[in-house]
Amino acid sequence: MQRPDEELLDFDTGELEDWDEERTRAALDGEHGTLYRNHLDIALHLDQWAEAESRRTDTDARYKAGYTQALRDTAAFLRQTYYLP
């Protein structure tokens, strides 16, 4: 079952370099709204994955930092509509 838009958009936009509320609403209401909702859902999972990875103690600290940053960056790009057609 698809999450409600309010849940998909429940994240800190202050850390996003290119957040635009109007662009987000247009994407949700536009031709690719279903795809964008999927991207937002994936971003939630990436955030959870990054959080779990950041708690690991069995990896090198620099590797862990880079890996979690890559997950968070990908989530941010998905949220900012970068991967929509």
N, C-alpha and C. Protein backbone atom coordinates (compact mmCIF):
# COMPACT_ATOMS: atom_id res chain seq x y z
N MET A 1 0.84 -1.19 0.00
CA MET A 1 0.00 0.00 0.00
C MET A 1 0.88 1.24 0.00
N GLN A 2 0.53 2.20 -0.82
CA GLN A 2 1.30 3.44 -0.95
C GLN A 2 1.13 4.31 0.30
N ARG A 3 2.23 4.87 0.74
CA ARG A 3 2.19 5.79 1.89
C ARG A 3 1.51 7.08 1.48
N PRO A 4 0.86 7.77 2.42
CA PRO A 4 0.28 9.09 2.10
C PRO A 4 1.39 10.10 1.78
N ASP A 5 1.06 11.08 0.95
CA ASP A 5 2.04 12.10 0.57
C ASP A 5 2.65 12.78 1.78
N GLU A 6 1.85 13.04 2.81
CA GLU A 6 2.36 13.72 4.00
C GLU A 6 3.48 12.91 4.66
N GLU A 7 3.34 11.60 4.65
CA GLU A 7 4.38 10.74 5.22
C GLU A 7 5.62 10.73 4.33
N LEU A 8 5.42 10.68 3.02
CA LEU A 8 6.54 10.69 2.09
C LEU A 8 7.33 11.99 2.15
N LEU A 9 6.64 13.08 2.49
CA LEU A 9 7.29 14.39 2.54
C LEU A 9 7.72 14.80 3.95
N ASP A 10 7.69 13.86 4.88
CA ASP A 10 8.05 14.14 6.26
C ASP A 10 9.56 13.93 6.46
N PHE A 11 10.33 14.91 6.04
CA PHE A 11 11.78 14.88 6.19
C PHE A 11 12.28 16.31 6.28
N ASP A 12 13.52 16.46 6.74
CA ASP A 12 14.12 17.79 6.93
C ASP A 12 14.58 18.34 5.58
N THR A 13 13.90 19.35 5.09
CA THR A 13 14.28 19.95 3.81
C THR A 13 15.45 20.93 3.97
N GLY A 14 15.78 21.30 5.19
CA GLY A 14 16.86 22.26 5.43
C GLY A 14 18.23 21.77 4.99
N GLU A 15 18.39 20.46 4.89
CA GLU A 15 19.67 19.90 4.48
C GLU A 15 19.77 19.68 2.97
N LEU A 16 18.70 19.98 2.24
CA LEU A 16 18.70 19.79 0.79
C LEU A 16 19.15 21.07 0.10
N GLU A 17 20.10 20.95 -0.80
CA GLU A 17 20.66 22.12 -1.47
C GLU A 17 19.70 22.75 -2.47
N ASP A 18 18.81 21.95 -3.05
CA ASP A 18 17.98 22.43 -4.15
C ASP A 18 16.50 22.12 -3.91
N TRP A 19 16.03 22.30 -2.68
CA TRP A 19 14.63 21.99 -2.37
C TRP A 19 13.73 23.09 -2.90
N ASP A 20 12.66 22.70 -3.56
CA ASP A 20 11.69 23.64 -4.11
C ASP A 20 10.30 23.04 -3.90
N GLU A 21 9.56 23.61 -2.97
CA GLU A 21 8.22 23.10 -2.62
C GLU A 21 7.29 23.09 -3.83
N GLU A 22 7.34 24.14 -4.64
CA GLU A 22 6.47 24.20 -5.83
C GLU A 22 6.81 23.08 -6.82
N ARG A 23 8.10 22.86 -7.04
CA ARG A 23 8.51 21.80 -7.96
C ARG A 23 8.06 20.44 -7.43
N THR A 24 8.15 20.27 -6.12
CA THR A 24 7.72 19.01 -5.51
C THR A 24 6.23 18.78 -5.70
N ARG A 25 5.43 19.80 -5.42
CA ARG A 25 3.97 19.66 -5.58
C ARG A 25 3.61 19.43 -7.05
N ALA A 26 4.30 20.12 -7.95
CA ALA A 26 4.04 19.92 -9.38
C ALA A 26 4.39 18.49 -9.79
N ALA A 27 5.48 17.96 -9.24
CA ALA A 27 5.86 16.59 -9.56
C ALA A 27 4.83 15.59 -9.04
N LEU A 28 4.33 15.82 -7.83
CA LEU A 28 3.32 14.93 -7.27
C LEU A 28 2.03 14.96 -8.07
N ASP A 29 1.66 16.13 -8.55
CA ASP A 29 0.41 16.29 -9.28
C ASP A 29 0.56 16.06 -10.78
N GLY A 30 1.79 15.90 -11.26
CA GLY A 30 2.03 15.81 -12.69
C GLY A 30 2.00 14.41 -13.26
N GLU A 31 2.43 14.33 -14.49
CA GLU A 31 2.42 13.09 -15.25
C GLU A 31 3.20 11.96 -14.58
N HIS A 32 4.26 12.32 -13.86
CA HIS A 32 5.12 11.32 -13.24
C HIS A 32 4.94 11.26 -11.72
N GLY A 33 3.76 11.62 -11.25
CA GLY A 33 3.49 11.62 -9.82
C GLY A 33 3.69 10.26 -9.16
N THR A 34 3.28 9.20 -9.83
CA THR A 34 3.45 7.86 -9.27
C THR A 34 4.93 7.51 -9.15
N LEU A 35 5.69 7.85 -10.17
CA LEU A 35 7.13 7.60 -10.14
C LEU A 35 7.80 8.41 -9.03
N TYR A 36 7.42 9.67 -8.88
CA TYR A 36 8.01 10.51 -7.85
C TYR A 36 7.66 9.97 -6.45
N ARG A 37 6.45 9.53 -6.25
CA ARG A 37 6.08 8.92 -4.97
C ARG A 37 6.94 7.69 -4.68
N ASN A 38 7.22 6.92 -5.72
CA ASN A 38 8.12 5.78 -5.57
C ASN A 38 9.52 6.25 -5.17
N HIS A 39 10.00 7.33 -5.79
CA HIS A 39 11.31 7.88 -5.44
C HIS A 39 11.33 8.34 -3.98
N LEU A 40 10.26 8.97 -3.54
CA LEU A 40 10.19 9.43 -2.15
C LEU A 40 10.19 8.24 -1.19
N ASP A 41 9.52 7.18 -1.56
CA ASP A 41 9.50 5.97 -0.74
C ASP A 41 10.89 5.34 -0.68
N ILE A 42 11.56 5.27 -1.80
CA ILE A 42 12.92 4.75 -1.84
C ILE A 42 13.83 5.62 -0.96
N ALA A 43 13.66 6.92 -1.02
CA ALA A 43 14.48 7.83 -0.20
C ALA A 43 14.31 7.54 1.29
N LEU A 44 13.09 7.23 1.71
CA LEU A 44 12.87 6.85 3.11
C LEU A 44 13.68 5.61 3.46
N HIS A 45 13.67 4.63 2.60
CA HIS A 45 14.43 3.40 2.84
C HIS A 45 15.93 3.68 2.86
N LEU A 46 16.40 4.54 1.97
CA LEU A 46 17.82 4.89 1.96
C LEU A 46 18.22 5.59 3.25
N ASP A 47 17.36 6.46 3.77
CA ASP A 47 17.64 7.11 5.06
C ASP A 47 17.76 6.08 6.18
N GLN A 48 16.86 5.10 6.19
CA GLN A 48 16.91 4.05 7.21
C GLN A 48 18.19 3.22 7.07
N TRP A 49 18.56 2.93 5.85
CA TRP A 49 19.77 2.17 5.58
C TRP A 49 21.00 2.95 6.05
N ALA A 50 21.04 4.24 5.73
CA ALA A 50 22.16 5.08 6.15
C ALA A 50 22.26 5.13 7.67
N GLU A 51 21.13 5.24 8.33
CA GLU A 51 21.13 5.27 9.80
C GLU A 51 21.67 3.96 10.37
N ALA A 52 21.24 2.85 9.81
CA ALA A 52 21.72 1.55 10.27
C ALA A 52 23.23 1.41 10.02
N GLU A 53 23.68 1.82 8.85
CA GLU A 53 25.11 1.74 8.52
C GLU A 53 25.95 2.61 9.46
N SER A 54 25.42 3.76 9.84
CA SER A 54 26.18 4.67 10.70
C SER A 54 26.42 4.10 12.09
N ARG A 55 25.62 3.12 12.49
CA ARG A 55 25.77 2.49 13.81
C ARG A 55 26.70 1.29 13.79
N ARG A 56 27.12 0.87 12.62
CA ARG A 56 28.00 -0.31 12.52
C ARG A 56 29.34 -0.03 13.19
N THR A 57 29.89 -1.06 13.78
CA THR A 57 31.20 -0.93 14.44
C THR A 57 32.25 -1.85 13.81
N ASP A 58 31.86 -2.58 12.77
CA ASP A 58 32.78 -3.55 12.17
C ASP A 58 33.43 -3.06 10.88
N THR A 59 33.35 -1.76 10.60
CA THR A 59 33.95 -1.22 9.38
C THR A 59 34.81 -0.02 9.70
N ASP A 60 35.68 0.31 8.78
CA ASP A 60 36.53 1.49 8.90
C ASP A 60 35.67 2.75 8.96
N ALA A 61 36.02 3.68 9.83
CA ALA A 61 35.21 4.89 10.03
C ALA A 61 35.10 5.73 8.76
N ARG A 62 36.19 5.85 8.00
CA ARG A 62 36.13 6.65 6.77
C ARG A 62 35.26 5.98 5.72
N TYR A 63 35.36 4.67 5.62
CA TYR A 63 34.50 3.93 4.69
C TYR A 63 33.04 4.12 5.08
N LYS A 64 32.75 3.95 6.36
CA LYS A 64 31.38 4.08 6.84
C LYS A 64 30.84 5.48 6.58
N ALA A 65 31.64 6.49 6.82
CA ALA A 65 31.20 7.87 6.59
C ALA A 65 30.90 8.11 5.11
N GLY A 66 31.76 7.63 4.24
CA GLY A 66 31.55 7.80 2.80
C GLY A 66 30.33 7.04 2.31
N TYR A 67 30.16 5.84 2.82
CA TYR A 67 29.03 5.00 2.41
C TYR A 67 27.71 5.63 2.84
N THR A 68 27.63 6.06 4.10
CA THR A 68 26.38 6.66 4.57
C THR A 68 26.11 7.98 3.87
N GLN A 69 27.15 8.75 3.55
CA GLN A 69 26.95 10.00 2.82
C GLN A 69 26.41 9.74 1.42
N ALA A 70 26.90 8.70 0.77
CA ALA A 70 26.42 8.35 -0.57
C ALA A 70 24.93 7.96 -0.52
N LEU A 71 24.54 7.20 0.50
CA LEU A 71 23.13 6.84 0.64
C LEU A 71 22.27 8.08 0.86
N ARG A 72 22.74 8.97 1.72
CA ARG A 72 21.97 10.20 2.01
C ARG A 72 21.91 11.12 0.80
N ASP A 73 23.00 11.21 0.05
CA ASP A 73 23.01 12.03 -1.16
C ASP A 73 22.02 11.50 -2.19
N THR A 74 21.99 10.19 -2.36
CA THR A 74 21.06 9.59 -3.32
C THR A 74 19.62 9.86 -2.90
N ALA A 75 19.34 9.74 -1.60
CA ALA A 75 17.99 10.05 -1.09
C ALA A 75 17.64 11.51 -1.38
N ALA A 76 18.60 12.41 -1.19
CA ALA A 76 18.36 13.84 -1.44
C ALA A 76 18.07 14.08 -2.92
N PHE A 77 18.83 13.45 -3.80
CA PHE A 77 18.60 13.63 -5.23
C PHE A 77 17.22 13.13 -5.64
N LEU A 78 16.82 12.00 -5.08
CA LEU A 78 15.48 11.47 -5.37
C LEU A 78 14.40 12.46 -4.91
N ARG A 79 14.57 13.03 -3.73
CA ARG A 79 13.58 13.96 -3.18
C ARG A 79 13.51 15.27 -3.97
N GLN A 80 14.61 15.66 -4.58
CA GLN A 80 14.65 16.94 -5.30
C GLN A 80 14.26 16.77 -6.76
N THR A 81 13.66 15.68 -7.11
CA THR A 81 13.11 15.36 -8.43
C THR A 81 14.17 15.19 -9.52
N TYR A 82 15.43 14.98 -9.14
CA TYR A 82 16.51 14.90 -10.13
C TYR A 82 16.37 13.73 -11.09
N TYR A 83 15.71 12.65 -10.68
CA TYR A 83 15.66 11.45 -11.51
C TYR A 83 14.32 11.28 -12.23
N LEU A 84 13.52 12.33 -12.28
CA LEU A 84 12.28 12.25 -13.05
C LEU A 84 12.56 12.56 -14.52
N PRO A 85 11.79 11.95 -15.41
CA PRO A 85 11.97 12.24 -16.84
C PRO A 85 11.69 13.72 -17.13
